[in-house]
């Protein structure tokens, strides 16, 4: 029997029904052998309602705060808004668009395993959805984060190529180097900001998938210059709102400079 561990301050910690659902969905990932179609998660009406609530709230925030290139990515890779898309269908679309694919995991995993999978064209994705009591933010990656935040950008060949570079670098990195690579991933593809027509705009998946974070990250977070060595030395917490973020001069600049930096490690 697979049981998911939740921190005592997790919004679903005391909710037995939620924890049972998490365990049920986690077993899908735990039993998946990696070949063939990903089994569907048996989402409930209440879980679909959380998806609708969040995606409806995010749409105008994307128009206001997301970089225009991100908005274009979202337009080229639309997701259903009335129900949670299944990973199998999204994965097939990704494979056709950029060569990337999704593989289910039960929950948060180690940095080396997550990043190394990218080198093999694989994005490790959760299937469960956040607790309904706090729909605007999640302390861990859920299916909203994976699909709304990451899927459209992973369909872009440039982001797919950069993701593979992160993976190759992680495969070769020492533990100290891995920490640096993980931080750069966090402050670019997860919580990166860019300048767009003179304005700071959101790029990273953690911002794009959080009603609570996207406006805060663009307007109310400390913004720092895009210095990759400084980024590599900056610690972060995945379970808290971000106190500081780094702003790249533009999307292409972020891609080019990050790719060059990863080249130090064979990325």
Protein backbone atom coordinates (compact mmCIF):
# COMPACT_ATOMS: atom_id res chain seq x y z
CA UNK A 1 0.00 0.00 0.00
CA UNK A 2 1.43 3.37 -1.06
CA UNK A 3 1.02 6.21 1.41
CA UNK A 4 1.95 9.83 0.75
CA UNK A 5 3.67 11.72 3.54
CA UNK A 6 2.39 15.25 4.11
CA UNK A 7 3.93 17.89 6.36
CA UNK A 8 1.80 18.80 9.40
CA UNK A 9 1.29 22.32 8.02
CA UNK A 10 0.05 21.02 4.64
CA UNK A 11 -3.56 22.20 4.06
CA UNK A 12 -4.66 18.60 3.51
CA UNK A 13 -2.84 17.05 6.46
CA UNK A 14 -5.97 16.58 8.60
CA UNK A 15 -8.29 15.79 5.68
CA UNK A 16 -8.66 12.01 5.56
CA UNK A 17 -10.57 12.07 2.29
CA UNK A 18 -7.89 14.16 0.59
CA UNK A 19 -5.12 11.94 1.89
CA UNK A 20 -6.90 8.85 0.63
CA UNK A 21 -7.23 10.44 -2.80
CA UNK A 22 -3.54 11.36 -2.79
CA UNK A 23 -2.64 7.77 -1.96
CA UNK A 24 -4.93 6.43 -4.68
CA UNK A 25 -3.47 8.70 -7.36
CA UNK A 26 0.10 8.13 -6.17
CA UNK A 27 -0.34 4.39 -6.71
CA UNK A 28 -0.86 5.07 -10.43
CA UNK A 29 2.62 6.58 -10.65
CA UNK A 30 4.12 3.93 -8.39
CA UNK A 31 2.84 1.12 -10.60
CA UNK A 32 3.62 2.73 -13.97
CA UNK A 33 6.48 0.92 -15.69
CA UNK A 34 7.32 3.76 -18.05
CA UNK A 35 6.09 2.22 -21.29
CA UNK A 36 2.67 2.42 -22.87
CA UNK A 37 -0.03 4.99 -22.18
CA UNK A 38 -0.11 6.60 -18.76
CA UNK A 39 -3.16 5.34 -16.84
CA UNK A 40 -5.85 7.96 -16.28
CA UNK A 41 -6.31 9.38 -12.80
CA UNK A 42 -9.92 8.94 -11.60
CA UNK A 43 -10.58 12.58 -10.75
CA UNK A 44 -13.71 13.50 -8.82
CA UNK A 45 -16.16 16.28 -9.58
CA UNK A 46 -14.71 18.27 -6.68
CA UNK A 47 -11.20 17.95 -8.08
CA UNK A 48 -12.34 19.08 -11.52
CA UNK A 49 -13.96 22.05 -9.79
CA UNK A 50 -10.62 23.07 -8.25
CA UNK A 51 -9.05 22.94 -11.72
CA UNK A 52 -11.84 25.15 -13.14
CA UNK A 53 -11.55 27.63 -10.28
CA UNK A 54 -7.81 28.05 -10.65
CA UNK A 55 -7.59 28.09 -14.46
CA UNK A 56 -10.44 30.62 -14.64
CA UNK A 57 -8.66 32.89 -12.17
CA UNK A 58 -5.27 32.50 -13.89
CA UNK A 59 -6.39 33.41 -17.42
CA UNK A 60 -6.65 37.20 -16.87
CA UNK A 61 -3.51 37.15 -14.72
CA UNK A 62 -1.57 35.57 -17.57
CA UNK A 63 -2.77 38.33 -19.90
CA UNK A 64 -1.69 41.00 -17.42
CA UNK A 65 1.52 39.59 -15.95
CA UNK A 66 2.96 36.87 -18.22
CA UNK A 67 5.60 37.64 -20.84
CA UNK A 68 4.16 37.93 -24.32
CA UNK A 69 6.22 34.95 -25.49
CA UNK A 70 4.71 32.91 -22.68
CA UNK A 71 1.23 33.99 -23.72
CA UNK A 72 2.06 32.85 -27.24
CA UNK A 73 3.21 29.47 -25.90
CA UNK A 74 -0.04 29.11 -23.95
CA UNK A 75 -2.00 29.96 -27.10
CA UNK A 76 -0.19 27.32 -29.14
CA UNK A 77 -0.74 24.63 -26.49
CA UNK A 78 -4.24 25.15 -25.05
CA UNK A 79 -5.53 23.01 -22.20
CA UNK A 80 -9.09 22.11 -21.31
CA UNK A 81 -10.54 24.47 -18.72
CA UNK A 82 -13.64 22.51 -17.74
CA UNK A 83 -11.84 19.41 -16.48
CA UNK A 84 -8.36 18.21 -15.52
CA UNK A 85 -6.57 16.93 -18.62
CA UNK A 86 -5.11 13.45 -18.33
CA UNK A 87 -1.33 13.14 -18.57
CA UNK A 88 -1.50 10.60 -21.39
CA UNK A 89 -3.15 13.02 -23.81
CA UNK A 90 -0.92 15.96 -22.86
CA UNK A 91 2.19 13.79 -23.13
CA UNK A 92 1.26 12.70 -26.66
CA UNK A 93 0.84 16.33 -27.71
CA UNK A 94 4.19 17.25 -26.16
CA UNK A 95 5.94 14.42 -27.95
CA UNK A 96 4.62 15.70 -31.27
CA UNK A 97 5.52 19.33 -30.53
CA UNK A 98 9.03 19.09 -29.05
CA UNK A 99 9.97 15.48 -28.39
CA UNK A 100 9.35 15.77 -24.65
CA UNK A 101 7.03 13.43 -22.75
CA UNK A 102 5.47 13.22 -19.31
CA UNK A 103 5.94 10.43 -16.81
CA UNK A 104 3.88 10.32 -13.60
CA UNK A 105 5.48 10.52 -10.15
CA UNK A 106 3.79 10.25 -6.78
CA UNK A 107 5.07 13.56 -5.42
CA UNK A 108 8.10 15.78 -4.95
CA UNK A 109 11.32 13.97 -5.86
CA UNK A 110 15.03 14.69 -5.57
CA UNK A 111 16.69 17.26 -7.80
CA UNK A 112 19.08 14.85 -9.51
CA UNK A 113 16.35 12.39 -10.46
CA UNK A 114 14.05 15.15 -11.70
CA UNK A 115 16.68 17.04 -13.68
CA UNK A 116 18.43 13.94 -15.07
CA UNK A 117 15.15 12.72 -16.54
CA UNK A 118 15.06 15.84 -18.70
CA UNK A 119 18.16 14.61 -20.51
CA UNK A 120 16.06 11.65 -21.65
CA UNK A 121 13.24 13.91 -22.95
CA UNK A 122 11.15 13.12 -19.86
CA UNK A 123 9.40 15.53 -17.53
CA UNK A 124 8.42 13.87 -14.25
CA UNK A 125 4.91 15.05 -13.45
CA UNK A 126 2.53 14.67 -10.55
CA UNK A 127 -1.14 13.86 -11.18
CA UNK A 128 -2.87 14.88 -7.95
CA UNK A 129 -4.44 18.30 -7.43
CA UNK A 130 -3.95 20.78 -4.60
CA UNK A 131 -6.26 20.93 -1.58
CA UNK A 132 -9.49 22.82 -2.24
CA UNK A 133 -9.07 24.97 0.89
CA UNK A 134 -6.10 26.79 -0.65
CA UNK A 135 -6.52 26.80 -4.43
CA UNK A 136 -4.37 29.86 -5.13
CA UNK A 137 -1.10 28.32 -3.93
CA UNK A 138 0.38 24.88 -3.37
CA UNK A 139 3.46 24.04 -1.27
CA UNK A 140 4.37 21.23 -3.68
CA UNK A 141 3.97 20.63 -7.42
CA UNK A 142 0.51 19.42 -8.41
CA UNK A 143 -1.18 18.78 -11.74
CA UNK A 144 -2.06 22.48 -12.11
CA UNK A 145 1.58 23.41 -11.68
CA UNK A 146 2.76 20.72 -14.08
CA UNK A 147 0.27 21.37 -16.87
CA UNK A 148 -0.59 25.06 -16.61
CA UNK A 149 2.93 26.00 -15.56
CA UNK A 150 5.16 23.69 -17.58
CA UNK A 151 3.36 21.96 -20.46
CA UNK A 152 3.03 24.86 -22.89
CA UNK A 153 6.64 25.94 -22.44
CA UNK A 154 7.91 22.36 -22.77
CA UNK A 155 6.10 22.23 -26.12
CA UNK A 156 8.37 25.07 -27.29
CA UNK A 157 11.53 23.54 -28.83
CA UNK A 158 13.72 26.21 -27.19
CA UNK A 159 12.51 25.39 -23.68
CA UNK A 160 12.71 21.68 -24.43
CA UNK A 161 16.34 22.12 -25.54
CA UNK A 162 17.22 24.13 -22.44
CA UNK A 163 15.53 21.51 -20.25
CA UNK A 164 17.66 18.80 -21.84
CA UNK A 165 20.75 20.92 -21.12
CA UNK A 166 19.77 21.05 -17.46
CA UNK A 167 19.42 17.28 -17.54
CA UNK A 168 22.81 16.64 -19.12
CA UNK A 169 24.46 18.99 -16.63
CA UNK A 170 22.78 17.22 -13.70
CA UNK A 171 23.96 13.83 -14.91
CA UNK A 172 27.60 14.93 -14.74
CA UNK A 173 27.47 17.22 -11.70
CA UNK A 174 29.00 16.72 -8.27
CA UNK A 175 26.72 17.31 -5.30
CA UNK A 176 27.94 20.90 -4.95
CA UNK A 177 27.50 21.51 -8.67
CA UNK A 178 24.04 19.93 -8.57
CA UNK A 179 22.92 22.42 -5.92
CA UNK A 180 24.03 25.27 -8.16
CA UNK A 181 22.26 23.78 -11.19
CA UNK A 182 19.08 23.21 -9.17
CA UNK A 183 19.04 26.86 -8.06
CA UNK A 184 19.49 28.09 -11.61
CA UNK A 185 16.61 25.88 -12.75
CA UNK A 186 14.48 27.25 -9.92
CA UNK A 187 15.12 30.90 -10.73
CA UNK A 188 14.69 30.48 -14.50
CA UNK A 189 12.25 27.79 -15.64
CA UNK A 190 10.38 27.70 -12.32
CA UNK A 191 10.41 31.30 -11.06
CA UNK A 192 12.09 33.31 -13.78
CA UNK A 193 11.12 36.89 -14.58
CA UNK A 194 11.95 38.73 -17.80
CA UNK A 195 11.76 42.27 -19.11
CA UNK A 196 9.20 42.60 -21.86
CA UNK A 197 8.71 45.95 -23.59
CA UNK A 198 10.16 47.69 -20.55
CA UNK A 199 7.98 45.85 -18.01
CA UNK A 200 8.83 42.96 -15.69
CA UNK A 201 6.79 39.92 -16.67
CA UNK A 202 6.45 36.33 -15.45
CA UNK A 203 8.10 33.45 -17.28
CA UNK A 204 8.57 30.55 -14.83
CA UNK A 205 6.08 27.75 -14.21
CA UNK A 206 5.79 28.40 -10.48
CA UNK A 207 4.51 31.89 -11.23
CA UNK A 208 2.25 30.91 -14.11
CA UNK A 209 0.46 28.25 -12.04
CA UNK A 210 -0.14 30.25 -8.86
CA UNK A 211 -2.80 32.93 -8.47
CA UNK A 212 -1.08 33.97 -5.27
CA UNK A 213 2.45 34.17 -6.68
CA UNK A 214 2.18 35.66 -10.17
CA UNK A 215 1.13 39.21 -9.27
CA UNK A 216 3.27 39.16 -6.15
CA UNK A 217 6.32 38.01 -8.10
CA UNK A 218 5.94 40.69 -10.76
CA UNK A 219 4.95 43.63 -8.55
CA UNK A 220 5.85 42.98 -4.92
CA UNK A 221 8.97 40.78 -4.79
CA UNK A 222 12.55 42.03 -4.60
CA UNK A 223 13.94 41.99 -8.13
CA UNK A 224 17.61 41.25 -8.69
CA UNK A 225 19.79 41.47 -11.78
CA UNK A 226 20.17 38.31 -13.85
CA UNK A 227 23.60 37.12 -12.72
CA UNK A 228 23.84 33.35 -13.05
CA UNK A 229 26.69 32.95 -10.59
CA UNK A 230 24.68 34.92 -8.03
CA UNK A 231 21.62 32.82 -8.83
CA UNK A 232 23.62 29.63 -8.36
CA UNK A 233 24.58 30.78 -4.86
CA UNK A 234 21.08 31.87 -3.79
CA UNK A 235 19.12 29.46 -1.62
CA UNK A 236 15.35 29.13 -1.88
CA UNK A 237 12.46 27.36 -0.17
CA UNK A 238 9.94 25.48 -2.34
CA UNK A 239 7.33 25.65 0.43
CA UNK A 240 7.24 29.44 0.88
CA UNK A 241 6.38 32.49 -1.19
CA UNK A 242 9.52 33.75 -2.87
CA UNK A 243 11.16 36.80 -1.22
CA UNK A 244 13.42 37.57 -4.21
CA UNK A 245 13.50 36.78 -7.91
CA UNK A 246 15.90 37.45 -10.79
CA UNK A 247 14.94 39.41 -13.90
CA UNK A 248 16.49 38.50 -17.25
CA UNK A 249 16.67 41.25 -19.91
CA UNK A 250 14.48 39.10 -22.16
CA UNK A 251 13.38 35.55 -22.93
CA UNK A 252 16.08 34.87 -25.53
CA UNK A 253 18.70 36.35 -23.22
CA UNK A 254 17.60 33.96 -20.48
CA UNK A 255 17.80 31.00 -22.85
CA UNK A 256 21.20 31.91 -24.27
CA UNK A 257 22.95 32.87 -21.05
CA UNK A 258 21.56 29.91 -19.11
CA UNK A 259 22.53 27.48 -21.86
CA UNK A 260 26.06 28.91 -21.94
CA UNK A 261 26.32 28.66 -18.13
CA UNK A 262 25.17 25.02 -18.18
CA UNK A 263 27.90 24.28 -20.70
CA UNK A 264 30.39 24.45 -17.83
CA UNK A 265 28.94 21.17 -16.59
CA UNK A 266 28.45 19.49 -19.94
CA UNK A 267 24.88 20.70 -20.35
